[in-house]
Protein backbone atom coordinates (compact mmCIF):
# COMPACT_ATOMS: atom_id res chain seq x y z
CA UNK A 1 93.88 125.10 60.50
CA UNK A 2 95.08 128.22 58.75
CA UNK A 3 92.95 129.82 56.05
CA UNK A 4 95.24 128.34 53.40
CA UNK A 5 94.86 124.86 54.91
CA UNK A 6 91.09 125.29 55.12
CA UNK A 7 90.93 126.33 51.47
CA UNK A 8 92.99 123.29 50.46
CA UNK A 9 90.73 121.07 52.56
CA UNK A 10 87.62 122.46 50.83
CA UNK A 11 89.04 121.69 47.38
CA UNK A 12 90.17 118.21 48.49
CA UNK A 13 86.76 117.46 50.03
CA UNK A 14 84.95 118.64 46.88
CA UNK A 15 87.18 116.39 44.75
CA UNK A 16 86.08 113.37 46.81
CA UNK A 17 82.64 113.87 45.26
CA UNK A 18 83.93 113.61 41.67
CA UNK A 19 81.76 111.44 39.41
CA UNK A 20 78.97 111.23 42.01
CA UNK A 21 75.81 111.12 39.87
CA UNK A 22 73.71 114.26 39.60
CA UNK A 23 70.49 113.75 41.58
CA UNK A 24 68.26 116.67 42.48
CA UNK A 25 68.04 117.17 46.24
CA UNK A 26 70.37 114.29 47.08
CA UNK A 27 73.50 114.55 49.24
CA UNK A 28 75.14 111.12 49.44
CA UNK A 29 78.67 110.85 48.04
CA UNK A 30 78.94 108.22 45.33
CA UNK A 31 75.16 107.91 45.09
CA UNK A 32 73.78 111.33 44.18
CA UNK A 33 74.05 115.07 44.80
CA UNK A 34 73.00 118.34 43.22
CA UNK A 35 75.05 121.52 42.98
CA UNK A 36 73.64 123.17 46.09
CA UNK A 37 73.91 120.15 48.34
CA UNK A 38 77.47 119.49 47.13
CA UNK A 39 78.51 122.91 48.44
CA UNK A 40 76.55 122.46 51.68
CA UNK A 41 78.05 119.04 52.36
CA UNK A 42 81.63 120.12 51.64
CA UNK A 43 81.53 123.06 54.05
CA UNK A 44 79.36 121.41 56.73
CA UNK A 45 81.30 118.12 56.67
CA UNK A 46 84.55 120.03 57.21
CA UNK A 47 82.99 121.92 60.13
CA UNK A 48 83.48 125.28 58.40
CA UNK A 49 79.75 126.08 58.41
CA UNK A 50 77.11 125.12 60.98
CA UNK A 51 74.77 122.41 59.64
CA UNK A 52 71.80 123.60 57.60
CA UNK A 53 69.54 122.03 55.02
CA UNK A 54 67.98 124.22 52.31
CA UNK A 55 65.71 121.44 51.05
CA UNK A 56 63.08 120.94 49.81
CA UNK A 57 63.27 122.93 46.61
CA UNK A 58 61.74 122.22 43.22
CA UNK A 59 64.11 121.32 40.39
CA UNK A 60 62.75 124.12 38.21
CA UNK A 61 62.00 126.82 40.79
CA UNK A 62 64.39 129.25 39.08
CA UNK A 63 62.28 129.22 35.94
CA UNK A 64 59.04 130.20 37.63
CA UNK A 65 60.13 132.44 40.50
CA UNK A 66 62.18 135.58 40.98
CA UNK A 67 63.00 135.00 44.65
CA UNK A 68 66.71 134.49 45.24
CA UNK A 69 66.53 131.43 47.50
CA UNK A 70 69.84 130.02 46.33
CA UNK A 71 71.63 133.34 46.56
CA UNK A 72 70.27 133.92 50.07
CA UNK A 73 71.61 130.54 51.28
CA UNK A 74 75.11 131.81 50.58
CA UNK A 75 74.76 135.53 51.29
CA UNK A 76 73.55 134.66 54.82
CA UNK A 77 76.70 132.60 55.48
CA UNK A 78 79.39 134.17 53.29
CA UNK A 79 80.69 137.48 51.99
CA UNK A 80 80.54 138.40 48.34
CA UNK A 81 84.03 138.80 46.87
CA UNK A 82 85.36 140.20 43.60
CA UNK A 83 88.54 138.10 43.45
CA UNK A 84 87.87 134.52 44.54
CA UNK A 85 90.44 132.00 45.66
CA UNK A 86 90.45 128.22 45.81
CA UNK A 87 87.72 127.02 48.16
CA UNK A 88 85.42 129.97 47.48
CA UNK A 89 81.98 129.55 45.91
CA UNK A 90 80.96 130.48 42.36
CA UNK A 91 77.25 131.13 41.74
CA UNK A 92 75.56 131.37 38.35
CA UNK A 93 72.23 132.81 37.31
CA UNK A 94 70.00 130.34 35.46
CA UNK A 95 66.50 131.31 34.50
CA UNK A 96 65.14 134.11 36.67
CA UNK A 97 67.48 133.73 39.64
CA UNK A 98 70.80 132.38 40.87
CA UNK A 99 70.42 128.61 40.92
CA UNK A 100 73.74 126.91 40.15
CA UNK A 101 77.04 126.86 41.97
CA UNK A 102 80.36 125.18 42.49
CA UNK A 103 83.56 125.25 44.49
CA UNK A 104 86.44 127.24 42.99
CA UNK A 105 89.52 125.01 42.59
CA UNK A 106 91.83 127.41 40.78
CA UNK A 107 91.68 130.97 39.52
CA UNK A 108 93.99 131.21 36.51
CA UNK A 109 92.31 129.83 34.57
CA UNK A 110 89.13 129.76 36.65
CA UNK A 111 87.97 126.21 37.39
CA UNK A 112 85.23 124.80 39.60
CA UNK A 113 83.93 121.50 40.89
CA UNK A 114 80.17 121.29 40.51
CA UNK A 115 77.32 118.80 40.22
CA UNK A 116 76.25 119.61 36.68
CA UNK A 117 72.96 118.29 35.33
CA UNK A 118 74.20 118.32 31.73
CA UNK A 119 77.25 116.18 32.65
CA UNK A 120 75.14 113.86 34.79
CA UNK A 121 77.64 113.94 37.65
CA UNK A 122 80.10 115.99 39.69
CA UNK A 123 82.91 117.29 37.49
CA UNK A 124 85.85 119.66 37.67
CA UNK A 125 86.27 121.95 34.70
CA UNK A 126 87.60 125.27 33.55
CA UNK A 127 84.83 127.75 33.00
CA UNK A 128 86.18 128.43 29.52
CA UNK A 129 85.45 124.79 28.62
CA UNK A 130 81.73 125.14 29.29
CA UNK A 131 79.78 127.58 27.10
CA UNK A 132 76.74 127.22 29.38
CA UNK A 133 78.73 128.74 32.25
CA UNK A 134 80.44 131.51 30.27
CA UNK A 135 77.16 132.77 28.79
CA UNK A 136 76.92 136.45 29.85
CA UNK A 137 73.35 135.84 31.09
CA UNK A 138 74.80 133.70 33.89
CA UNK A 139 75.97 136.82 35.82
CA UNK A 140 78.66 134.97 37.79
CA UNK A 141 79.25 136.05 41.40
CA UNK A 142 81.62 134.72 44.07
CA UNK A 143 81.28 134.20 47.80
CA UNK A 144 83.76 133.34 50.54
CA UNK A 145 83.48 132.17 54.15
CA UNK A 146 86.86 133.74 54.93
CA UNK A 147 87.26 137.38 55.92
CA UNK A 148 88.40 139.41 52.97
CA UNK A 149 89.37 142.91 52.00
CA UNK A 150 88.46 142.72 48.30
C-alpha cells in the first residue's frame, strides 16, 4: 500500500470502532476500549506497527505521576510532526502528563476519532466542538508513523 492508502486504511479502521463503549484498559471492538488501546489496535491490526501492549496502567496515573508513559509509547514508534495528516496521532496533556489521544481523520478543520471517557464511547469530532480538548493546558502534539519532512 502507498502512504496515502495506509492513511486512508487507518482512518477507516478507526471508524470501525465508533460507538464502542469506553472501558479503561479494554481493547475489544464493540465491547470496550480506551483511547490508548484504540490507537494501538488500529495500527497493530493493520500491520503498520509491530504488536505491543502498554497495559497495565492505572486509570488516574496522569494525576499522580509526572512520568510520560503515554508519550513514550508513541515517541518510541513514531516521529513528532508539526503538520499532521489523516491517520496521524493527536496526543493531549491531561493532569501532569500526556494521557489522551486519538487518530486524526481530517485537518481542516482538525477532527479526531478517540475513545473519550466523557462521551462514554468512541466518537469522531472536530476539536473545536470539544472545549476539553481545545483547553490550552492540553498542549496538543502530533505523531506520525510515516517518514516526514515537517
